[in-house]
N, C-alpha and C. Protein backbone atom coordinates (compact mmCIF):
# COMPACT_ATOMS: atom_id res chain seq x y z
N MET A 1 -7.58 6.79 36.77
CA MET A 1 -6.32 6.16 36.47
C MET A 1 -6.14 6.08 34.95
N ALA A 2 -5.12 6.69 34.45
CA ALA A 2 -4.87 6.73 33.02
C ALA A 2 -4.43 5.36 32.50
N TYR A 3 -4.54 5.21 31.20
CA TYR A 3 -4.06 4.00 30.54
C TYR A 3 -2.58 4.15 30.25
N VAL A 4 -1.88 3.02 30.19
CA VAL A 4 -0.46 2.99 29.85
C VAL A 4 -0.22 1.91 28.82
N ILE A 5 0.85 2.07 28.07
CA ILE A 5 1.24 1.09 27.06
C ILE A 5 2.50 0.38 27.53
N ASP A 6 2.45 -0.94 27.58
CA ASP A 6 3.61 -1.75 27.96
C ASP A 6 4.57 -1.76 26.78
N PRO A 7 5.76 -1.16 26.93
CA PRO A 7 6.69 -1.08 25.80
C PRO A 7 7.21 -2.46 25.36
N ASP A 8 7.15 -3.44 26.23
CA ASP A 8 7.60 -4.79 25.86
C ASP A 8 6.57 -5.51 24.99
N LYS A 9 5.33 -5.06 25.02
CA LYS A 9 4.27 -5.70 24.23
C LYS A 9 3.88 -4.90 22.99
N CYS A 10 4.12 -3.58 23.02
CA CYS A 10 3.71 -2.70 21.92
C CYS A 10 4.44 -3.07 20.62
N VAL A 11 3.67 -3.22 19.54
CA VAL A 11 4.24 -3.53 18.24
C VAL A 11 4.20 -2.32 17.30
N ALA A 12 3.85 -1.16 17.85
CA ALA A 12 3.83 0.12 17.11
C ALA A 12 2.99 0.04 15.83
N CYS A 13 1.82 -0.58 15.94
CA CYS A 13 0.96 -0.73 14.76
C CYS A 13 0.16 0.53 14.45
N GLY A 14 -0.07 1.38 15.46
CA GLY A 14 -0.80 2.62 15.25
C GLY A 14 -2.30 2.52 15.43
N ASN A 15 -2.82 1.35 15.70
CA ASN A 15 -4.28 1.21 15.87
C ASN A 15 -4.80 2.11 16.98
N CYS A 16 -4.06 2.21 18.07
CA CYS A 16 -4.51 3.00 19.21
C CYS A 16 -4.59 4.49 18.88
N MET A 17 -3.64 4.98 18.10
CA MET A 17 -3.63 6.41 17.75
C MET A 17 -4.90 6.81 17.03
N GLY A 18 -5.35 5.95 16.14
CA GLY A 18 -6.55 6.24 15.36
C GLY A 18 -7.82 6.23 16.20
N GLU A 19 -7.79 5.56 17.33
CA GLU A 19 -8.98 5.45 18.18
C GLU A 19 -9.03 6.48 19.29
N CYS A 20 -7.92 7.10 19.64
CA CYS A 20 -7.89 8.05 20.76
C CYS A 20 -8.62 9.34 20.38
N PRO A 21 -9.70 9.67 21.10
CA PRO A 21 -10.48 10.85 20.74
C PRO A 21 -9.82 12.18 21.10
N VAL A 22 -8.77 12.14 21.93
CA VAL A 22 -8.13 13.39 22.37
C VAL A 22 -6.67 13.50 21.93
N GLY A 23 -6.18 12.56 21.15
CA GLY A 23 -4.81 12.63 20.66
C GLY A 23 -3.76 12.49 21.74
N ALA A 24 -4.02 11.65 22.73
CA ALA A 24 -3.11 11.50 23.87
C ALA A 24 -1.99 10.49 23.62
N ILE A 25 -2.00 9.82 22.48
CA ILE A 25 -1.02 8.78 22.22
C ILE A 25 0.12 9.35 21.39
N LEU A 26 1.34 9.09 21.86
CA LEU A 26 2.55 9.60 21.22
C LEU A 26 3.23 8.48 20.45
N GLU A 27 3.60 8.77 19.20
CA GLU A 27 4.20 7.78 18.31
C GLU A 27 5.71 7.68 18.58
N GLY A 28 6.25 6.48 18.38
CA GLY A 28 7.68 6.24 18.53
C GLY A 28 7.98 4.80 18.18
N ASP A 29 9.17 4.32 18.56
CA ASP A 29 9.50 2.91 18.34
C ASP A 29 8.46 2.03 19.03
N THR A 30 8.07 2.45 20.22
CA THR A 30 6.89 1.93 20.89
C THR A 30 6.08 3.17 21.25
N TYR A 31 4.80 3.03 21.36
CA TYR A 31 3.94 4.18 21.61
C TYR A 31 3.80 4.42 23.11
N SER A 32 3.37 5.62 23.47
CA SER A 32 3.14 5.95 24.87
C SER A 32 1.90 6.84 24.96
N ILE A 33 1.37 6.95 26.16
CA ILE A 33 0.16 7.74 26.38
C ILE A 33 0.47 8.88 27.33
N ASN A 34 0.11 10.09 26.94
CA ASN A 34 0.27 11.25 27.79
C ASN A 34 -0.84 11.20 28.84
N ALA A 35 -0.47 10.88 30.08
CA ALA A 35 -1.44 10.70 31.16
C ALA A 35 -2.24 11.98 31.44
N ASP A 36 -1.64 13.13 31.20
CA ASP A 36 -2.34 14.39 31.45
C ASP A 36 -3.47 14.63 30.45
N GLU A 37 -3.36 14.04 29.27
CA GLU A 37 -4.38 14.22 28.24
C GLU A 37 -5.38 13.07 28.18
N CYS A 38 -5.02 11.91 28.72
CA CYS A 38 -5.86 10.72 28.65
C CYS A 38 -7.18 10.95 29.40
N VAL A 39 -8.30 10.63 28.73
CA VAL A 39 -9.62 10.78 29.35
C VAL A 39 -10.18 9.43 29.83
N GLU A 40 -9.32 8.41 29.82
CA GLU A 40 -9.64 7.09 30.36
C GLU A 40 -10.86 6.45 29.71
N CYS A 41 -11.01 6.61 28.41
CA CYS A 41 -12.16 6.05 27.72
C CYS A 41 -11.98 4.57 27.38
N GLY A 42 -10.72 4.12 27.24
CA GLY A 42 -10.45 2.72 26.95
C GLY A 42 -10.47 2.35 25.48
N ALA A 43 -10.71 3.31 24.61
CA ALA A 43 -10.76 3.02 23.18
C ALA A 43 -9.43 2.47 22.68
N CYS A 44 -8.34 2.97 23.19
CA CYS A 44 -7.02 2.51 22.76
C CYS A 44 -6.80 1.04 23.14
N ALA A 45 -7.18 0.68 24.35
CA ALA A 45 -7.01 -0.70 24.83
C ALA A 45 -7.86 -1.65 23.98
N ASP A 46 -9.07 -1.24 23.65
CA ASP A 46 -9.94 -2.08 22.83
C ASP A 46 -9.37 -2.29 21.43
N ALA A 47 -8.62 -1.30 20.92
CA ALA A 47 -8.09 -1.37 19.56
C ALA A 47 -6.74 -2.08 19.46
N CYS A 48 -6.11 -2.35 20.59
CA CYS A 48 -4.74 -2.90 20.58
C CYS A 48 -4.74 -4.42 20.35
N PRO A 49 -4.17 -4.86 19.21
CA PRO A 49 -4.15 -6.30 18.91
C PRO A 49 -3.13 -7.06 19.76
N ALA A 50 -2.17 -6.34 20.35
CA ALA A 50 -1.13 -6.97 21.15
C ALA A 50 -1.47 -7.00 22.65
N GLU A 51 -2.63 -6.45 22.99
CA GLU A 51 -3.04 -6.34 24.41
C GLU A 51 -1.95 -5.68 25.26
N ALA A 52 -1.36 -4.62 24.71
CA ALA A 52 -0.27 -3.91 25.38
C ALA A 52 -0.74 -2.74 26.22
N ILE A 53 -2.03 -2.43 26.17
CA ILE A 53 -2.53 -1.25 26.86
C ILE A 53 -3.44 -1.67 28.02
N HIS A 54 -3.17 -1.08 29.18
CA HIS A 54 -3.97 -1.40 30.36
C HIS A 54 -4.09 -0.16 31.24
N GLN A 55 -5.04 -0.20 32.12
CA GLN A 55 -5.25 0.91 33.04
C GLN A 55 -4.31 0.73 34.23
N GLU A 56 -3.69 1.83 34.63
CA GLU A 56 -2.72 1.77 35.73
C GLU A 56 -3.32 2.29 37.01
């Protein structure tokens, strides 16, 4: 099950992008995760100060 970013909680800080080992996080007003590229490592969730990332 891939990780997802809750757009209502995301503050677009970029911490998750720097932690993703496969570049699965897409930048925008709020960030999103490409489920096809996500390797479910959880590094992004650990790095998120807003607790906006969870496994779906």
